[in-house]
């Protein structure tokens, strides 16, 4: 399974590197712009550089953003920690609702207009830790990461850099802020 993830990430990186560069900007400058956008957003919030050892997170809109990975690709703010012991199982189908904001357009403490599936009838889903099917890998790895630490019925804000985001959008090198709610049902 790990070899599939490695191959997937390597192919995504190659595809991103070859398609993201335009005549105007190099891939490196796009990555630099992405880092600046994320840093600009996080500068207005409290940030913890690691996950609590006991995985008991502060919750609510004033909670800090926790860095979820060593490379700083994902930062999570826990809005609602969910129901204790309601953990996800590998390959379990999970539905989610989201709003998302392109952080490249964040300024003066204000988020830009969002894109979302909160009001649509189209359910979004993935199979947890199963990136071999399109329903899972199309969303990238970032969307699933909160469920490694929190119950299925949690609600989080998640900063996702492009390499961990939607596969079809990785070449755009745009970071997003997602507000995500997860569940076992479409509702």
Protein backbone atom coordinates (compact mmCIF):
# COMPACT_ATOMS: atom_id res chain seq x y z
CA UNK A 1 0.00 0.00 0.00
CA UNK A 2 2.85 2.37 0.85
CA UNK A 3 4.49 1.70 -2.50
CA UNK A 4 1.26 2.75 -4.26
CA UNK A 5 1.21 6.00 -2.28
CA UNK A 6 4.86 6.64 -3.13
CA UNK A 7 4.26 5.98 -6.83
CA UNK A 8 1.11 8.13 -6.77
CA UNK A 9 2.90 11.03 -5.08
CA UNK A 10 5.90 10.74 -7.42
CA UNK A 11 3.67 10.79 -10.50
CA UNK A 12 1.66 13.68 -9.11
CA UNK A 13 4.85 15.64 -8.40
CA UNK A 14 6.18 15.01 -11.91
CA UNK A 15 2.86 15.95 -13.49
CA UNK A 16 2.60 19.04 -11.33
CA UNK A 17 6.16 20.11 -12.08
CA UNK A 18 5.73 19.71 -15.81
CA UNK A 19 2.29 21.31 -16.12
CA UNK A 20 2.40 24.06 -13.49
CA UNK A 21 5.11 26.11 -15.10
CA UNK A 22 3.92 28.82 -17.39
CA UNK A 23 5.90 31.28 -19.44
CA UNK A 24 5.38 33.81 -16.65
CA UNK A 25 6.18 31.84 -13.49
CA UNK A 26 8.39 28.91 -12.62
CA UNK A 27 7.15 26.08 -10.44
CA UNK A 28 9.47 27.29 -7.68
CA UNK A 29 7.94 30.77 -7.77
CA UNK A 30 4.44 29.25 -7.63
CA UNK A 31 5.45 27.24 -4.55
CA UNK A 32 6.91 30.38 -3.00
CA UNK A 33 3.65 32.26 -3.64
CA UNK A 34 1.71 29.36 -2.11
CA UNK A 35 3.88 29.44 1.03
CA UNK A 36 3.37 33.19 1.32
CA UNK A 37 -0.42 32.77 1.04
CA UNK A 38 -0.49 30.11 3.78
CA UNK A 39 1.82 32.12 6.03
CA UNK A 40 -0.31 35.24 5.49
CA UNK A 41 -3.41 33.34 6.63
CA UNK A 42 -1.74 31.58 9.57
CA UNK A 43 -0.20 34.87 10.79
CA UNK A 44 -3.72 35.88 11.84
CA UNK A 45 -4.20 32.72 13.94
CA UNK A 46 -2.55 30.82 16.74
CA UNK A 47 -0.44 27.95 15.40
CA UNK A 48 0.87 24.90 17.24
CA UNK A 49 3.79 23.20 15.52
CA UNK A 50 2.80 19.73 16.70
CA UNK A 51 -0.19 17.62 17.65
CA UNK A 52 -0.84 17.21 21.38
CA UNK A 53 0.76 14.00 22.65
CA UNK A 54 -2.58 12.84 24.05
CA UNK A 55 -4.42 14.00 20.88
CA UNK A 56 -6.76 16.09 23.01
CA UNK A 57 -7.19 19.18 20.86
CA UNK A 58 -8.45 22.61 21.82
CA UNK A 59 -11.75 23.16 20.05
CA UNK A 60 -13.79 26.07 18.74
CA UNK A 61 -13.25 29.04 16.45
CA UNK A 62 -10.46 30.41 18.67
CA UNK A 63 -8.57 27.09 18.83
CA UNK A 64 -5.09 26.98 17.32
CA UNK A 65 -4.20 25.50 13.97
CA UNK A 66 -2.15 22.35 14.53
CA UNK A 67 0.51 21.42 11.99
CA UNK A 68 -0.28 17.84 10.94
CA UNK A 69 2.85 16.96 8.98
CA UNK A 70 6.57 17.64 9.01
CA UNK A 71 6.50 19.55 5.74
CA UNK A 72 3.80 22.02 6.78
CA UNK A 73 1.38 20.94 4.05
CA UNK A 74 -1.61 20.62 6.41
CA UNK A 75 -2.83 22.67 9.36
CA UNK A 76 -5.98 21.71 11.26
CA UNK A 77 -8.21 23.73 13.57
CA UNK A 78 -10.70 21.56 15.46
CA UNK A 79 -14.12 23.20 15.60
CA UNK A 80 -15.91 20.16 17.07
CA UNK A 81 -13.98 17.10 18.24
CA UNK A 82 -16.90 14.73 17.61
CA UNK A 83 -18.01 11.73 19.64
CA UNK A 84 -15.30 9.83 21.48
CA UNK A 85 -14.69 6.27 20.22
CA UNK A 86 -16.47 6.96 16.91
CA UNK A 87 -13.33 6.16 14.94
CA UNK A 88 -13.04 5.47 11.23
CA UNK A 89 -11.97 2.06 9.94
CA UNK A 90 -9.63 1.47 7.00
CA UNK A 91 -11.51 1.38 3.69
CA UNK A 92 -14.70 2.68 5.32
CA UNK A 93 -16.74 4.95 3.06
CA UNK A 94 -16.98 8.41 4.60
CA UNK A 95 -19.17 11.24 3.34
CA UNK A 96 -18.23 14.85 3.86
CA UNK A 97 -19.52 18.36 3.34
CA UNK A 98 -17.17 21.24 2.79
CA UNK A 99 -16.66 24.88 2.09
CA UNK A 100 -13.33 25.98 0.74
CA UNK A 101 -11.55 29.25 0.18
CA UNK A 102 -8.56 29.95 -2.06
CA UNK A 103 -5.98 31.36 0.34
CA UNK A 104 -4.20 33.21 -2.44
CA UNK A 105 -7.13 35.66 -2.23
CA UNK A 106 -7.09 36.03 1.56
CA UNK A 107 -6.31 39.56 2.72
CA UNK A 108 -6.93 41.87 5.65
CA UNK A 109 -8.37 39.02 7.72
CA UNK A 110 -11.12 38.33 5.18
CA UNK A 111 -11.73 35.12 3.29
CA UNK A 112 -12.67 35.27 -0.38
CA UNK A 113 -15.91 33.85 -1.80
CA UNK A 114 -16.15 30.13 -1.13
CA UNK A 115 -16.71 27.04 -3.20
CA UNK A 116 -18.69 24.33 -1.48
CA UNK A 117 -21.01 21.34 -1.54
CA UNK A 118 -22.91 22.31 1.63
CA UNK A 119 -26.08 23.27 -0.25
CA UNK A 120 -25.87 20.89 -3.19
CA UNK A 121 -27.38 17.44 -3.37
CA UNK A 122 -24.16 15.91 -4.67
CA UNK A 123 -22.54 13.87 -1.88
CA UNK A 124 -18.78 13.82 -1.64
CA UNK A 125 -17.07 10.74 -0.27
CA UNK A 126 -13.86 8.78 0.00
CA UNK A 127 -12.76 5.40 1.30
CA UNK A 128 -10.47 6.02 4.23
CA UNK A 129 -6.83 5.11 3.50
CA UNK A 130 -7.77 3.58 0.14
CA UNK A 131 -6.23 5.65 -2.65
CA UNK A 132 -6.64 2.95 -5.29
CA UNK A 133 -10.12 4.12 -6.27
CA UNK A 134 -10.97 7.43 -7.90
CA UNK A 135 -13.52 8.38 -5.24
CA UNK A 136 -10.64 8.59 -2.77
CA UNK A 137 -7.55 9.71 -4.66
CA UNK A 138 -9.33 12.50 -6.55
CA UNK A 139 -9.56 14.47 -3.28
CA UNK A 140 -5.86 14.10 -2.51
CA UNK A 141 -4.51 12.97 0.82
CA UNK A 142 -5.20 16.11 2.84
CA UNK A 143 -8.97 15.74 3.24
CA UNK A 144 -8.62 12.41 5.06
CA UNK A 145 -5.90 13.40 7.54
CA UNK A 146 -8.14 14.81 10.33
CA UNK A 147 -9.77 11.39 10.71
CA UNK A 148 -6.43 9.92 11.76
CA UNK A 149 -6.77 11.95 14.96
CA UNK A 150 -10.49 12.63 15.42
CA UNK A 151 -13.81 10.73 15.36
CA UNK A 152 -15.91 10.47 12.21
CA UNK A 153 -18.41 13.14 13.30
CA UNK A 154 -15.84 15.90 13.83
CA UNK A 155 -15.80 19.32 12.20
CA UNK A 156 -12.52 21.03 11.30
CA UNK A 157 -10.93 23.85 9.40
CA UNK A 158 -8.08 22.48 7.31
CA UNK A 159 -5.39 24.42 5.46
CA UNK A 160 -4.32 22.27 2.51
CA UNK A 161 -1.35 23.08 0.31
CA UNK A 162 -1.67 22.03 -3.32
CA UNK A 163 0.41 18.84 -3.13
CA UNK A 164 -2.09 17.38 -0.62
CA UNK A 165 -5.19 18.78 -2.33
CA UNK A 166 -7.40 17.84 -5.24
CA UNK A 167 -5.42 15.87 -7.79
CA UNK A 168 -6.91 17.79 -10.73
CA UNK A 169 -5.84 21.09 -9.16
CA UNK A 170 -2.31 20.29 -7.98
CA UNK A 171 -0.79 21.93 -11.04
CA UNK A 172 -2.43 25.24 -10.09
CA UNK A 173 -0.39 25.41 -6.85
CA UNK A 174 -3.16 27.12 -4.88
CA UNK A 175 -3.62 26.46 -1.16
CA UNK A 176 -7.15 26.18 0.21
CA UNK A 177 -8.85 26.51 3.56
CA UNK A 178 -11.53 23.84 3.93
CA UNK A 179 -14.25 23.66 6.55
CA UNK A 180 -15.12 19.96 6.68
CA UNK A 181 -17.79 17.91 8.40
CA UNK A 182 -17.59 14.15 8.12
CA UNK A 183 -20.17 11.40 8.54
CA UNK A 184 -21.12 7.85 7.71
CA UNK A 185 -24.33 8.98 5.99
CA UNK A 186 -24.99 11.34 3.10
CA UNK A 187 -26.78 13.87 5.36
